[in-house]
C-alpha atoms as a PDB file:
ATOM      1  CA  MET A   1     101.305  82.990 136.749  1.00  0.00           C
ATOM      2  CA  PRO A   2     102.103  80.954 133.669  1.00  0.00           C
ATOM      3  CA  VAL A   3     105.378  81.528 131.909  1.00  0.00           C
ATOM      4  CA  ALA A   4     105.331  82.042 128.094  1.00  0.00           C
ATOM      5  CA  SER A   5     107.187  79.356 126.166  1.00  0.00           C
ATOM      6  CA  ILE A   6     109.427  79.921 123.212  1.00  0.00           C
ATOM      7  CA  GLY A   7     106.728  78.907 120.815  1.00  0.00           C
ATOM      8  CA  ASP A   8     104.445  81.554 122.208  1.00  0.00           C
ATOM      9  CA  LEU A   9     106.976  84.190 121.669  1.00  0.00           C
ATOM     10  CA  ASP A  10     107.519  83.164 118.029  1.00  0.00           C
ATOM     11  CA  PHE A  11     103.805  83.431 117.553  1.00  0.00           C
ATOM     12  CA  VAL A  12     103.688  86.980 118.984  1.00  0.00           C
ATOM     13  CA  GLU A  13     106.587  88.051 116.782  1.00  0.00           C
ATOM     14  CA  ALA A  14     104.973  86.555 113.671  1.00  0.00           C
ATOM     15  CA  ASP A  15     101.653  88.257 114.655  1.00  0.00           C
ATOM     16  CA  ALA A  16     103.379  91.648 115.110  1.00  0.00           C
ATOM     17  CA  GLY A  17     105.141  91.249 111.721  1.00  0.00           C
ATOM     18  CA  PHE A  18     101.835  90.383 109.976  1.00  0.00           C
ATOM     19  CA  PHE A  19     100.029  93.444 111.474  1.00  0.00           C
ATOM     20  CA  GLY A  20     102.953  95.624 110.546  1.00  0.00           C
ATOM     21  CA  LEU A  21     102.565  94.388 106.968  1.00  0.00           C
ATOM     22  CA  LEU A  22      98.822  95.190 107.049  1.00  0.00           C
ATOM     23  CA  ARG A  23      99.533  98.687 108.330  1.00  0.00           C
ATOM     24  CA  GLY A  24     101.968  99.120 105.435  1.00  0.00           C
ATOM     25  CA  TYR A  25      99.242  98.127 102.978  1.00  0.00           C
ATOM     26  CA  LEU A  26      96.752 100.416 104.613  1.00  0.00           C
ATOM     27  CA  LEU A  27      99.150 103.309 104.390  1.00  0.00           C
ATOM     28  CA  LEU A  28      99.854 102.650 100.709  1.00  0.00           C
ATOM     29  CA  GLY A  29      96.143 102.428 100.030  1.00  0.00           C
ATOM     30  CA  LEU A  30      95.594 105.775 101.702  1.00  0.00           C
ATOM     31  CA  VAL A  31      98.414 107.495  99.703  1.00  0.00           C
ATOM     32  CA  ILE A  32      97.099 106.007  96.448  1.00  0.00           C
ATOM     33  CA  GLY A  33      93.508 107.169  97.309  1.00  0.00           C
ATOM     34  CA  VAL A  34      94.579 110.749  98.096  1.00  0.00           C
ATOM     35  CA  ALA A  35      96.643 110.879  94.919  1.00  0.00           C
ATOM     36  CA  GLY A  36      93.706 109.548  92.875  1.00  0.00           C
ATOM     37  CA  LEU A  37      91.432 112.162  94.352  1.00  0.00           C
ATOM     38  CA  ALA A  38      93.914 114.893  93.492  1.00  0.00           C
ATOM     39  CA  VAL A  39      94.221 113.602  89.928  1.00  0.00           C
ATOM     40  CA  ARG A  40      90.441 113.561  89.524  1.00  0.00           C
ATOM     41  CA  LEU A  41      90.115 117.124  90.738  1.00  0.00           C
ATOM     42  CA  PHE A  42      92.926 118.376  88.538  1.00  0.00           C
ATOM     43  CA  ARG A  43      91.366 116.717  85.518  1.00  0.00           C
ATOM     44  CA  ALA A  44      87.938 118.210  86.424  1.00  0.00           C
ATOM     45  CA  VAL A  45      89.491 121.748  86.550  1.00  0.00           C
ATOM     46  CA  ARG A  46      91.258 121.187  83.238  1.00  0.00           C
ATOM     47  CA  GLU A  47      88.179 119.737  81.488  1.00  0.00           C
ATOM     48  CA  ARG A  48      85.784 122.393  82.769  1.00  0.00           C
ATOM     49  CA  ARG A  49      88.119 125.407  82.076  1.00  0.00           C
ATOM     50  CA  ARG A  50      85.553 126.975  79.722  1.00  0.00           C
ATOM     51  CA  GLN A  51      82.677 126.461  82.103  1.00  0.00           C
ATOM     52  CA  ILE A  52      84.709 128.126  84.854  1.00  0.00           C
ATOM     53  CA  GLU A  53      85.589 131.058  82.627  1.00  0.00           C
ATOM     54  CA  MET A  54      81.946 131.362  81.605  1.00  0.00           C
ATOM     55  CA  MET A  55      80.787 131.422  85.177  1.00  0.00           C
ATOM     56  CA  ARG A  56      83.414 133.997  86.068  1.00  0.00           C
ATOM     57  CA  ALA A  57      82.333 136.111  83.063  1.00  0.00           C
ATOM     58  CA  MET A  58      78.749 136.005  84.244  1.00  0.00           C
ATOM     59  CA  GLY A  59      79.804 137.353  87.599  1.00  0.00           C
ATOM     60  CA  SER A  60      80.286 134.305  89.729  1.00  0.00           C
ATOM     61  CA  MET A  61      82.836 134.866  92.424  1.00  0.00           C
ATOM     62  CA  SER A  62      85.924 132.654  92.746  1.00  0.00           C
ATOM     63  CA  SER A  63      84.611 131.416  96.100  1.00  0.00           C
ATOM     64  CA  GLY A  64      81.610 130.026  94.409  1.00  0.00           C
ATOM     65  CA  VAL A  65      83.654 128.135  91.926  1.00  0.00           C
ATOM     66  CA  ARG A  66      85.877 126.911  94.790  1.00  0.00           C
ATOM     67  CA  ARG A  67      82.773 125.791  96.690  1.00  0.00           C
ATOM     68  CA  TRP A  68      81.588 123.907  93.601  1.00  0.00           C
ATOM     69  CA  PHE A  69      84.828 121.904  93.413  1.00  0.00           C
ATOM     70  CA  MET A  70      85.002 121.305  97.163  1.00  0.00           C
ATOM     71  CA  THR A  71      81.491 119.945  97.026  1.00  0.00           C
ATOM     72  CA  LYS A  72      82.478 117.592  94.239  1.00  0.00           C
ATOM     73  CA  ALA A  73      85.577 116.499  96.106  1.00  0.00           C
ATOM     74  CA  THR A  74      83.522 115.917  99.241  1.00  0.00           C
ATOM     75  CA  PHE A  75      80.935 113.794  97.358  1.00  0.00           C
ATOM     76  CA  VAL A  76      83.618 111.748  95.599  1.00  0.00           C
ATOM     77  CA  SER A  77      85.405 111.147  98.818  1.00  0.00           C
ATOM     78  CA  LEU A  78      82.380 110.045 100.631  1.00  0.00           C
ATOM     79  CA  MET A  79      81.424 107.680  97.901  1.00  0.00           C
ATOM     80  CA  ASP A  80      84.934 106.202  97.866  1.00  0.00           C
ATOM     81  CA  ILE A  81      84.798 105.830 101.732  1.00  0.00           C
ATOM     82  CA  VAL A  82      81.471 104.094 101.633  1.00  0.00           C
ATOM     83  CA  THR A  83      82.665 101.708  98.872  1.00  0.00           C
ATOM     84  CA  GLY A  84      85.911 100.958 100.716  1.00  0.00           C
ATOM     85  CA  VAL A  85      84.337 100.331 104.065  1.00  0.00           C
ATOM     86  CA  GLY A  86      81.652  98.138 102.540  1.00  0.00           C
ATOM     87  CA  LEU A  87      84.156  95.976 100.666  1.00  0.00           C
ATOM     88  CA  GLY A  88      86.427  95.804 103.708  1.00  0.00           C
ATOM     89  CA  VAL A  89      83.613  94.625 105.969  1.00  0.00           C
ATOM     90  CA  LEU A  90      82.463  92.121 103.361  1.00  0.00           C
ATOM     91  CA  THR A  91      86.031  90.767 102.858  1.00  0.00           C
ATOM     92  CA  GLY A  92      86.561  90.492 106.646  1.00  0.00           C
ATOM     93  CA  TYR A  93      83.306  88.727 107.173  1.00  0.00           C
ATOM     94  CA  LEU A  94      83.935  86.221 104.436  1.00  0.00           C
ATOM     95  CA  THR A  95      87.451  85.663 105.510  1.00  0.00           C
ATOM     96  CA  THR A  96      86.530  84.903 109.141  1.00  0.00           C
ATOM     97  CA  THR A  97      83.436  82.821 108.425  1.00  0.00           C
ATOM     98  CA  ARG A  98      84.274  80.801 105.318  1.00  0.00           C
ATOM     99  CA  SER A  99      88.068  80.516 105.239  1.00  0.00           C
ATOM    100  CA  THR A 100      89.751  77.247 106.103  1.00  0.00           C
ATOM    101  CA  ALA A 101      92.903  79.135 107.125  1.00  0.00           C
ATOM    102  CA  PHE A 102      91.892  79.033 110.725  1.00  0.00           C
ATOM    103  CA  GLY A 103      91.691  75.284 110.889  1.00  0.00           C
ATOM    104  CA  GLY A 104      87.986  75.136 111.841  1.00  0.00           C
ATOM    105  CA  ALA A 105      88.442  77.246 114.979  1.00  0.00           C
ATOM    106  CA  VAL A 106      85.575  79.403 115.897  1.00  0.00           C
ATOM    107  CA  LEU A 107      86.710  82.972 116.313  1.00  0.00           C
ATOM    108  CA  PRO A 108      84.935  84.866 119.140  1.00  0.00           C
ATOM    109  CA  PHE A 109      83.995  87.887 116.993  1.00  0.00           C
ATOM    110  CA  ALA A 110      82.775  85.646 114.178  1.00  0.00           C
ATOM    111  CA  ALA A 111      80.655  83.293 116.209  1.00  0.00           C
ATOM    112  CA  ARG A 112      77.001  83.218 115.215  1.00  0.00           C
END
């Protein structure tokens, strides 16, 4: 069984630090995304206050109004998820196939 050298351990520590940094960025992005969705929905309620009052005056139940906003939130969330995943996959693909940061090494998951 080969013994790891000091250089290998430095690489593992640097790798763990890098992935910790990426996890931090992902968490920050998640928090910002949730806050952005909350702000959008809050503004939608404020801007459509008259429409909501009119719907209630015509006999619409509060559950129908709530369902309307939940449908809007679901649609906006799905569109944001699709956009984020698409841009993430594109960025990952371009980074692994066209970047010179890997010194010309062929990565097993990026091999064609």
